[in-house]
């Protein structure tokens, strides 16, 4: 079995939510992310596109568990999740 590689992505907390805030975040070269789970509330943050894209291009890709260190909140282990509901046989 291969050794586990520790990957840490530093992110900043986002105050705004919604489509316009997400567009501004992307314009700045960041990716809007939402962290769910645990006992706390959901957390809106922004992470560098380059670092997240490198994780997606890795051998484990979307299945990679990595640490997201959100400024002011501390690190959390996370992984990618596709929230889109698609039903290819229903024509959606």
PDB file of N, CA and C in Angstrom:
ATOM      1  N   UNK A   1       0.840  -1.175   0.000  1.00  0.00           N
ATOM      2  CA  UNK A   1       0.000   0.000   0.000  1.00  0.00           C
ATOM      3  C   UNK A   1       0.884   1.236   0.000  1.00  0.00           C
ATOM      4  N   UNK A   2       0.504   2.229  -0.739  1.00  0.00           N
ATOM      5  CA  UNK A   2       1.292   3.458  -0.836  1.00  0.00           C
ATOM      6  C   UNK A   2       1.148   4.290   0.429  1.00  0.00           C
ATOM      7  N   UNK A   3       2.200   5.055   0.709  1.00  0.00           N
ATOM      8  CA  UNK A   3       2.142   5.951   1.858  1.00  0.00           C
ATOM      9  C   UNK A   3       1.124   7.047   1.602  1.00  0.00           C
ATOM     10  N   UNK A   4       0.426   7.439   2.676  1.00  0.00           N
ATOM     11  CA  UNK A   4      -0.556   8.518   2.563  1.00  0.00           C
ATOM     12  C   UNK A   4       0.182   9.843   2.466  1.00  0.00           C
ATOM     13  N   UNK A   5      -0.153  10.630   1.467  1.00  0.00           N
ATOM     14  CA  UNK A   5       0.462  11.933   1.270  1.00  0.00           C
ATOM     15  C   UNK A   5      -0.426  12.982   1.933  1.00  0.00           C
ATOM     16  N   UNK A   6       0.144  13.765   2.815  1.00  0.00           N
ATOM     17  CA  UNK A   6      -0.605  14.815   3.497  1.00  0.00           C
ATOM     18  C   UNK A   6      -0.716  16.032   2.580  1.00  0.00           C
ATOM     19  N   UNK A   7      -1.928  16.430   2.294  1.00  0.00           N
ATOM     20  CA  UNK A   7      -2.177  17.585   1.444  1.00  0.00           C
ATOM     21  C   UNK A   7      -2.956  18.596   2.271  1.00  0.00           C
ATOM     22  N   UNK A   8      -2.446  19.821   2.322  1.00  0.00           N
ATOM     23  CA  UNK A   8      -3.143  20.893   3.038  1.00  0.00           C
ATOM     24  C   UNK A   8      -3.384  22.052   2.089  1.00  0.00           C
ATOM     25  N   UNK A   9      -4.637  22.501   2.048  1.00  0.00           N
ATOM     26  CA  UNK A   9      -5.023  23.649   1.237  1.00  0.00           C
ATOM     27  C   UNK A   9      -5.467  24.744   2.198  1.00  0.00           C
ATOM     28  N   UNK A  10      -4.868  25.907   2.081  1.00  0.00           N
ATOM     29  CA  UNK A  10      -5.243  27.035   2.935  1.00  0.00           C
ATOM     30  C   UNK A  10      -6.367  27.820   2.263  1.00  0.00           C
ATOM     31  N   UNK A  11      -7.380  28.160   3.053  1.00  0.00           N
ATOM     32  CA  UNK A  11      -8.536  28.881   2.531  1.00  0.00           C
ATOM     33  C   UNK A  11      -8.889  30.038   3.456  1.00  0.00           C
ATOM     34  N   UNK A  12      -9.673  30.965   2.933  1.00  0.00           N
ATOM     35  CA  UNK A  12     -10.159  32.076   3.743  1.00  0.00           C
ATOM     36  C   UNK A  12     -11.672  31.965   3.844  1.00  0.00           C
ATOM     37  N   UNK A  13     -12.200  32.409   4.957  1.00  0.00           N
ATOM     38  CA  UNK A  13     -13.636  32.356   5.161  1.00  0.00           C
ATOM     39  C   UNK A  13     -14.306  33.441   4.322  1.00  0.00           C
ATOM     40  N   UNK A  14     -15.456  33.114   3.716  1.00  0.00           N
ATOM     41  CA  UNK A  14     -16.221  34.075   2.918  1.00  0.00           C
ATOM     42  C   UNK A  14     -17.385  34.582   3.747  1.00  0.00           C
ATOM     43  N   UNK A  15     -17.610  35.888   3.703  1.00  0.00           N
ATOM     44  CA  UNK A  15     -18.747  36.464   4.431  1.00  0.00           C
ATOM     45  C   UNK A  15     -20.019  36.347   3.606  1.00  0.00           C
ATOM     46  N   UNK A  16     -19.916  36.598   2.308  1.00  0.00           N
ATOM     47  CA  UNK A  16     -21.089  36.581   1.450  1.00  0.00           C
ATOM     48  C   UNK A  16     -21.391  35.194   0.917  1.00  0.00           C
ATOM     49  N   UNK A  17     -22.627  35.027   0.500  1.00  0.00           N
ATOM     50  CA  UNK A  17     -23.057  33.784  -0.149  1.00  0.00           C
ATOM     51  C   UNK A  17     -23.909  34.153  -1.339  1.00  0.00           C
ATOM     52  N   UNK A  18     -24.103  33.224  -2.222  1.00  0.00           N
ATOM     53  CA  UNK A  18     -24.948  33.494  -3.376  1.00  0.00           C
ATOM     54  C   UNK A  18     -24.161  33.584  -4.669  1.00  0.00           C
ATOM     55  N   UNK A  19     -24.899  33.737  -5.752  1.00  0.00           N
ATOM     56  CA  UNK A  19     -24.316  33.698  -7.082  1.00  0.00           C
ATOM     57  C   UNK A  19     -23.328  34.838  -7.329  1.00  0.00           C
ATOM     58  N   UNK A  20     -23.690  36.059  -6.956  1.00  0.00           N
ATOM     59  CA  UNK A  20     -22.799  37.192  -7.225  1.00  0.00           C
ATOM     60  C   UNK A  20     -21.501  37.094  -6.437  1.00  0.00           C
ATOM     61  N   UNK A  21     -21.594  36.695  -5.191  1.00  0.00           N
ATOM     62  CA  UNK A  21     -20.392  36.524  -4.376  1.00  0.00           C
ATOM     63  C   UNK A  21     -19.507  35.423  -4.957  1.00  0.00           C
ATOM     64  N   UNK A  22     -20.123  34.342  -5.412  1.00  0.00           N
ATOM     65  CA  UNK A  22     -19.358  33.239  -6.008  1.00  0.00           C
ATOM     66  C   UNK A  22     -18.652  33.698  -7.281  1.00  0.00           C
ATOM     67  N   UNK A  23     -19.298  34.524  -8.084  1.00  0.00           N
ATOM     68  CA  UNK A  23     -18.666  35.035  -9.307  1.00  0.00           C
ATOM     69  C   UNK A  23     -17.459  35.916  -8.986  1.00  0.00           C
ATOM     70  N   UNK A  24     -17.610  36.764  -7.989  1.00  0.00           N
ATOM     71  CA  UNK A  24     -16.483  37.621  -7.589  1.00  0.00           C
ATOM     72  C   UNK A  24     -15.322  36.774  -7.080  1.00  0.00           C
ATOM     73  N   UNK A  25     -15.646  35.728  -6.344  1.00  0.00           N
ATOM     74  CA  UNK A  25     -14.607  34.839  -5.819  1.00  0.00           C
ATOM     75  C   UNK A  25     -13.860  34.167  -6.964  1.00  0.00           C
ATOM     76  N   UNK A  26     -14.584  33.642  -7.950  1.00  0.00           N
ATOM     77  CA  UNK A  26     -13.961  32.988  -9.108  1.00  0.00           C
ATOM     78  C   UNK A  26     -13.122  33.970  -9.918  1.00  0.00           C
ATOM     79  N   UNK A  27     -13.593  35.205 -10.048  1.00  0.00           N
ATOM     80  CA  UNK A  27     -12.853  36.235 -10.795  1.00  0.00           C
ATOM     81  C   UNK A  27     -11.484  36.468 -10.175  1.00  0.00           C
ATOM     82  N   UNK A  28     -11.390  36.303  -8.857  1.00  0.00           N
ATOM     83  CA  UNK A  28     -10.129  36.500  -8.137  1.00  0.00           C
ATOM     84  C   UNK A  28      -9.236  35.262  -8.145  1.00  0.00           C
ATOM     85  N   UNK A  29      -9.612  34.221  -8.911  1.00  0.00           N
ATOM     86  CA  UNK A  29      -8.793  33.013  -9.012  1.00  0.00           C
ATOM     87  C   UNK A  29      -8.999  32.043  -7.870  1.00  0.00           C
ATOM     88  N   UNK A  30     -10.100  32.195  -7.160  1.00  0.00           N
ATOM     89  CA  UNK A  30     -10.408  31.311  -6.046  1.00  0.00           C
ATOM     90  C   UNK A  30     -11.662  30.498  -6.360  1.00  0.00           C
ATOM     91  N   UNK A  31     -11.859  29.434  -5.608  1.00  0.00           N
ATOM     92  CA  UNK A  31     -13.029  28.590  -5.775  1.00  0.00           C
ATOM     93  C   UNK A  31     -13.891  28.714  -4.525  1.00  0.00           C
ATOM     94  N   UNK A  32     -15.175  29.059  -4.689  1.00  0.00           N
ATOM     95  CA  UNK A  32     -16.039  29.089  -3.511  1.00  0.00           C
ATOM     96  C   UNK A  32     -16.309  27.659  -3.043  1.00  0.00           C
ATOM     97  N   UNK A  33     -16.082  27.388  -1.773  1.00  0.00           N
ATOM     98  CA  UNK A  33     -16.313  26.057  -1.212  1.00  0.00           C
ATOM     99  C   UNK A  33     -17.223  26.175  -0.001  1.00  0.00           C
ATOM    100  N   UNK A  34     -17.980  25.109   0.243  1.00  0.00           N
ATOM    101  CA  UNK A  34     -18.832  25.028   1.418  1.00  0.00           C
ATOM    102  C   UNK A  34     -18.477  23.754   2.152  1.00  0.00           C
ATOM    103  N   UNK A  35     -18.216  23.866   3.442  1.00  0.00           N
ATOM    104  CA  UNK A  35     -17.846  22.719   4.261  1.00  0.00           C
ATOM    105  C   UNK A  35     -19.060  22.339   5.107  1.00  0.00           C
ATOM    106  N   UNK A  36     -19.527  21.105   4.917  1.00  0.00           N
ATOM    107  CA  UNK A  36     -20.655  20.571   5.665  1.00  0.00           C
ATOM    108  C   UNK A  36     -20.150  19.520   6.648  1.00  0.00           C
ATOM    109  N   UNK A  37     -20.960  19.204   7.631  1.00  0.00           N
ATOM    110  CA  UNK A  37     -20.652  18.093   8.517  1.00  0.00           C
ATOM    111  C   UNK A  37     -20.166  18.543   9.872  1.00  0.00           C
ATOM    112  N   UNK A  38     -20.032  17.566  10.760  1.00  0.00           N
ATOM    113  CA  UNK A  38     -19.614  17.886  12.115  1.00  0.00           C
ATOM    114  C   UNK A  38     -20.763  18.466  12.903  1.00  0.00           C
ATOM    115  N   UNK A  39     -20.465  18.950  14.079  1.00  0.00           N
ATOM    116  CA  UNK A  39     -21.498  19.475  14.968  1.00  0.00           C
ATOM    117  C   UNK A  39     -21.816  20.935  14.682  1.00  0.00           C
ATOM    118  N   UNK A  40     -20.947  21.630  13.956  1.00  0.00           N
ATOM    119  CA  UNK A  40     -21.135  23.057  13.716  1.00  0.00           C
ATOM    120  C   UNK A  40     -21.977  23.346  12.492  1.00  0.00           C
ATOM    121  N   UNK A  41     -22.084  24.635  12.195  1.00  0.00           N
ATOM    122  CA  UNK A  41     -22.822  25.085  11.022  1.00  0.00           C
ATOM    123  C   UNK A  41     -21.981  24.902   9.769  1.00  0.00           C
ATOM    124  N   UNK A  42     -22.616  25.082   8.607  1.00  0.00           N
ATOM    125  CA  UNK A  42     -21.864  25.031   7.360  1.00  0.00           C
ATOM    126  C   UNK A  42     -20.950  26.249   7.287  1.00  0.00           C
ATOM    127  N   UNK A  43     -19.833  26.078   6.614  1.00  0.00           N
ATOM    128  CA  UNK A  43     -18.831  27.136   6.522  1.00  0.00           C
ATOM    129  C   UNK A  43     -18.610  27.472   5.053  1.00  0.00           C
ATOM    130  N   UNK A  44     -18.728  28.745   4.716  1.00  0.00           N
ATOM    131  CA  UNK A  44     -18.440  29.214   3.362  1.00  0.00           C
ATOM    132  C   UNK A  44     -17.006  29.724   3.344  1.00  0.00           C
ATOM    133  N   UNK A  45     -16.223  29.242   2.385  1.00  0.00           N
ATOM    134  CA  UNK A  45     -14.817  29.634   2.293  1.00  0.00           C
ATOM    135  C   UNK A  45     -14.422  29.771   0.828  1.00  0.00           C
ATOM    136  N   UNK A  46     -13.212  30.239   0.603  1.00  0.00           N
ATOM    137  CA  UNK A  46     -12.656  30.366  -0.746  1.00  0.00           C
ATOM    138  C   UNK A  46     -11.250  29.779  -0.730  1.00  0.00           C
ATOM    139  N   UNK A  47     -10.978  28.892  -1.689  1.00  0.00           N
ATOM    140  CA  UNK A  47      -9.676  28.221  -1.762  1.00  0.00           C
ATOM    141  C   UNK A  47      -9.061  28.468  -3.141  1.00  0.00           C
ATOM    142  N   UNK A  48      -7.728  28.429  -3.230  1.00  0.00           N
ATOM    143  CA  UNK A  48      -7.057  28.665  -4.509  1.00  0.00           C
ATOM    144  C   UNK A  48      -7.374  27.586  -5.554  1.00  0.00           C
ATOM    145  N   UNK A  49      -7.767  28.018  -6.732  1.00  0.00           N
ATOM    146  CA  UNK A  49      -8.091  27.114  -7.826  1.00  0.00           C
ATOM    147  C   UNK A  49      -6.927  26.191  -8.158  1.00  0.00           C
ATOM    148  N   UNK A  50      -5.726  26.737  -8.219  1.00  0.00           N
ATOM    149  CA  UNK A  50      -4.547  25.953  -8.612  1.00  0.00           C
ATOM    150  C   UNK A  50      -4.342  24.741  -7.695  1.00  0.00           C
ATOM    151  N   UNK A  51      -4.509  24.925  -6.391  1.00  0.00           N
ATOM    152  CA  UNK A  51      -4.288  23.832  -5.439  1.00  0.00           C
ATOM    153  C   UNK A  51      -5.387  22.772  -5.543  1.00  0.00           C
ATOM    154  N   UNK A  52      -6.632  23.196  -5.692  1.00  0.00           N
ATOM    155  CA  UNK A  52      -7.725  22.231  -5.816  1.00  0.00           C
ATOM    156  C   UNK A  52      -7.642  21.476  -7.137  1.00  0.00           C
ATOM    157  N   UNK A  53      -7.249  22.145  -8.207  1.00  0.00           N
ATOM    158  CA  UNK A  53      -7.104  21.489  -9.504  1.00  0.00           C
ATOM    159  C   UNK A  53      -5.999  20.443  -9.459  1.00  0.00           C
ATOM    160  N   UNK A  54      -4.928  20.727  -8.729  1.00  0.00           N
ATOM    161  CA  UNK A  54      -3.834  19.751  -8.595  1.00  0.00           C
ATOM    162  C   UNK A  54      -4.318  18.491  -7.874  1.00  0.00           C
ATOM    163  N   UNK A  55      -5.188  18.649  -6.899  1.00  0.00           N
ATOM    164  CA  UNK A  55      -5.739  17.481  -6.194  1.00  0.00           C
ATOM    165  C   UNK A  55      -6.599  16.663  -7.146  1.00  0.00           C
ATOM    166  N   UNK A  56      -7.429  17.330  -7.937  1.00  0.00           N
ATOM    167  CA  UNK A  56      -8.285  16.613  -8.881  1.00  0.00           C
ATOM    168  C   UNK A  56      -7.484  15.879  -9.953  1.00  0.00           C
ATOM    169  N   UNK A  57      -6.315  16.408 -10.318  1.00  0.00           N
ATOM    170  CA  UNK A  57      -5.468  15.754 -11.324  1.00  0.00           C
ATOM    171  C   UNK A  57      -4.619  14.632 -10.744  1.00  0.00           C
ATOM    172  N   UNK A  58      -4.590  14.478  -9.431  1.00  0.00           N
ATOM    173  CA  UNK A  58      -3.762  13.446  -8.805  1.00  0.00           C
ATOM    174  C   UNK A  58      -4.336  12.056  -9.080  1.00  0.00           C
ATOM    175  N   UNK A  59      -3.584  11.020  -8.716  1.00  0.00           N
ATOM    176  CA  UNK A  59      -4.019   9.647  -8.960  1.00  0.00           C
ATOM    177  C   UNK A  59      -5.342   9.317  -8.286  1.00  0.00           C
ATOM    178  N   UNK A  60      -5.562   9.814  -7.087  1.00  0.00           N
ATOM    179  CA  UNK A  60      -6.811   9.503  -6.373  1.00  0.00           C
ATOM    180  C   UNK A  60      -7.936  10.467  -6.740  1.00  0.00           C
ATOM    181  N   UNK A  61      -7.612  11.584  -7.372  1.00  0.00           N
ATOM    182  CA  UNK A  61      -8.607  12.510  -7.908  1.00  0.00           C
ATOM    183  C   UNK A  61      -9.650  12.956  -6.906  1.00  0.00           C
ATOM    184  N   UNK A  62     -10.924  12.794  -7.288  1.00  0.00           N
ATOM    185  CA  UNK A  62     -12.033  13.247  -6.449  1.00  0.00           C
ATOM    186  C   UNK A  62     -12.129  12.484  -5.137  1.00  0.00           C
ATOM    187  N   UNK A  63     -11.490  11.331  -5.034  1.00  0.00           N
ATOM    188  CA  UNK A  63     -11.548  10.533  -3.817  1.00  0.00           C
ATOM    189  C   UNK A  63     -10.480  10.917  -2.795  1.00  0.00           C
ATOM    190  N   UNK A  64      -9.729  11.944  -3.071  1.00  0.00           N
ATOM    191  CA  UNK A  64      -8.657  12.381  -2.178  1.00  0.00           C
ATOM    192  C   UNK A  64      -9.227  13.027  -0.924  1.00  0.00           C
ATOM    193  N   UNK A  65      -8.766  12.569   0.220  1.00  0.00           N
ATOM    194  CA  UNK A  65      -9.095  13.228   1.481  1.00  0.00           C
ATOM    195  C   UNK A  65      -7.932  14.156   1.786  1.00  0.00           C
ATOM    196  N   UNK A  66      -8.243  15.433   2.004  1.00  0.00           N
ATOM    197  CA  UNK A  66      -7.191  16.410   2.251  1.00  0.00           C
ATOM    198  C   UNK A  66      -7.608  17.332   3.382  1.00  0.00           C
ATOM    199  N   UNK A  67      -6.666  18.132   3.858  1.00  0.00           N
ATOM    200  CA  UNK A  67      -6.939  19.057   4.944  1.00  0.00           C
ATOM    201  C   UNK A  67      -7.201  20.439   4.371  1.00  0.00           C
ATOM    202  N   UNK A  68      -8.325  21.015   4.760  1.00  0.00           N
ATOM    203  CA  UNK A  68      -8.669  22.373   4.377  1.00  0.00           C
ATOM    204  C   UNK A  68      -8.489  23.233   5.620  1.00  0.00           C
ATOM    205  N   UNK A  69      -7.478  24.085   5.590  1.00  0.00           N
ATOM    206  CA  UNK A  69      -7.152  24.939   6.735  1.00  0.00           C
ATOM    207  C   UNK A  69      -7.765  26.315   6.489  1.00  0.00           C
ATOM    208  N   UNK A  70      -8.911  26.558   7.123  1.00  0.00           N
ATOM    209  CA  UNK A  70      -9.619  27.819   6.926  1.00  0.00           C
ATOM    210  C   UNK A  70      -9.136  28.822   7.958  1.00  0.00           C
ATOM    211  N   UNK A  71      -8.685  29.952   7.456  1.00  0.00           N
ATOM    212  CA  UNK A  71      -8.127  31.010   8.297  1.00  0.00           C
ATOM    213  C   UNK A  71      -9.126  31.400   9.399  1.00  0.00           C
ATOM    214  N   UNK A  72      -8.669  31.339  10.634  1.00  0.00           N
ATOM    215  CA  UNK A  72      -9.489  31.708  11.772  1.00  0.00           C
ATOM    216  C   UNK A  72     -10.325  30.576  12.341  1.00  0.00           C
ATOM    217  N   UNK A  73     -10.453  29.462  11.607  1.00  0.00           N
ATOM    218  CA  UNK A  73     -11.257  28.341  12.082  1.00  0.00           C
ATOM    219  C   UNK A  73     -10.450  27.083  12.319  1.00  0.00           C
ATOM    220  N   UNK A  74      -9.309  26.974  11.687  1.00  0.00           N
ATOM    221  CA  UNK A  74      -8.470  25.796  11.859  1.00  0.00           C
ATOM    222  C   UNK A  74      -8.695  24.757  10.776  1.00  0.00           C
ATOM    223  N   UNK A  75      -7.931  23.665  10.848  1.00  0.00           N
ATOM    224  CA  UNK A  75      -7.967  22.643   9.802  1.00  0.00           C
ATOM    225  C   UNK A  75      -9.113  21.643   9.986  1.00  0.00           C
ATOM    226  N   UNK A  76      -9.586  21.111   8.859  1.00  0.00           N
ATOM    227  CA  UNK A  76     -10.596  20.057   8.827  1.00  0.00           C
ATOM    228  C   UNK A  76     -10.261  19.111   7.690  1.00  0.00           C
ATOM    229  N   UNK A  77     -10.462  17.814   7.908  1.00  0.00           N
ATOM    230  CA  UNK A  77     -10.278  16.856   6.827  1.00  0.00           C
ATOM    231  C   UNK A  77     -11.533  16.852   5.974  1.00  0.00           C
ATOM    232  N   UNK A  78     -11.357  17.006   4.672  1.00  0.00           N
ATOM    233  CA  UNK A  78     -12.483  17.099   3.745  1.00  0.00           C
ATOM    234  C   UNK A  78     -12.211  16.282   2.488  1.00  0.00           C
ATOM    235  N   UNK A  79     -13.235  16.128   1.665  1.00  0.00           N
ATOM    236  CA  UNK A  79     -13.091  15.544   0.340  1.00  0.00           C
ATOM    237  C   UNK A  79     -14.116  16.190  -0.576  1.00  0.00           C
ATOM    238  N   UNK A  80     -13.950  16.025  -1.873  1.00  0.00           N
ATOM    239  CA  UNK A  80     -14.863  16.615  -2.843  1.00  0.00           C
ATOM    240  C   UNK A  80     -16.194  15.877  -2.824  1.00  0.00           C
ATOM    241  N   UNK A  81     -17.267  16.623  -3.101  1.00  0.00           N
ATOM    242  CA  UNK A  81     -18.597  16.032  -3.208  1.00  0.00           C
ATOM    243  C   UNK A  81     -19.332  16.739  -4.327  1.00  0.00           C
ATOM    244  N   UNK A  82     -19.901  15.971  -5.228  1.00  0.00           N
ATOM    245  CA  UNK A  82     -20.671  16.539  -6.335  1.00  0.00           C
ATOM    246  C   UNK A  82     -22.128  16.572  -5.910  1.00  0.00           C
ATOM    247  N   UNK A  83     -22.672  17.765  -5.739  1.00  0.00           N
ATOM    248  CA  UNK A  83     -24.031  17.894  -5.235  1.00  0.00           C
ATOM    249  C   UNK A  83     -25.087  17.954  -6.329  1.00  0.00           C
ATOM    250  N   UNK A  84     -24.686  17.874  -7.572  1.00  0.00           N
ATOM    251  CA  UNK A  84     -25.673  17.974  -8.639  1.00  0.00           C
ATOM    252  C   UNK A  84     -26.448  16.670  -8.758  1.00  0.00           C
ATOM    253  N   UNK A  85     -27.734  16.805  -8.916  1.00  0.00           N
ATOM    254  CA  UNK A  85     -28.602  15.647  -9.104  1.00  0.00           C
ATOM    255  C   UNK A  85     -28.859  15.486 -10.593  1.00  0.00           C
ATOM    256  N   UNK A  86     -28.357  14.396 -11.135  1.00  0.00           N
ATOM    257  CA  UNK A  86     -28.526  14.147 -12.553  1.00  0.00           C
ATOM    258  C   UNK A  86     -29.131  12.772 -12.743  1.00  0.00           C
ATOM    259  N   UNK A  87     -30.126  12.713 -13.594  1.00  0.00           N
ATOM    260  CA  UNK A  87     -30.771  11.447 -13.900  1.00  0.00           C
ATOM    261  C   UNK A  87     -30.694  11.242 -15.411  1.00  0.00           C
ATOM    262  N   UNK A  88     -29.616  10.606 -15.890  1.00  0.00           N
ATOM    263  CA  UNK A  88     -29.403  10.507 -17.338  1.00  0.00           C
ATOM    264  C   UNK A  88     -30.523   9.791 -18.073  1.00  0.00           C
ATOM    265  N   UNK A  89     -31.216   8.862 -17.411  1.00  0.00           N
ATOM    266  CA  UNK A  89     -32.259   8.133 -18.092  1.00  0.00           C
ATOM    267  C   UNK A  89     -33.575   8.898 -18.122  1.00  0.00           C
ATOM    268  N   UNK A  90     -33.720   9.902 -17.267  1.00  0.00           N
ATOM    269  CA  UNK A  90     -34.944  10.701 -17.236  1.00  0.00           C
ATOM    270  C   UNK A  90     -34.837  11.923 -18.137  1.00  0.00           C
ATOM    271  N   UNK A  91     -33.656  12.150 -18.721  1.00  0.00           N
ATOM    272  CA  UNK A  91     -33.480  13.268 -19.629  1.00  0.00           C
ATOM    273  C   UNK A  91     -33.168  14.576 -18.943  1.00  0.00           C
ATOM    274  N   UNK A  92     -32.801  14.545 -17.642  1.00  0.00           N
ATOM    275  CA  UNK A  92     -32.457  15.768 -16.903  1.00  0.00           C
ATOM    276  C   UNK A  92     -31.007  16.112 -17.082  1.00  0.00           C
TER     277      UNK A  92
END
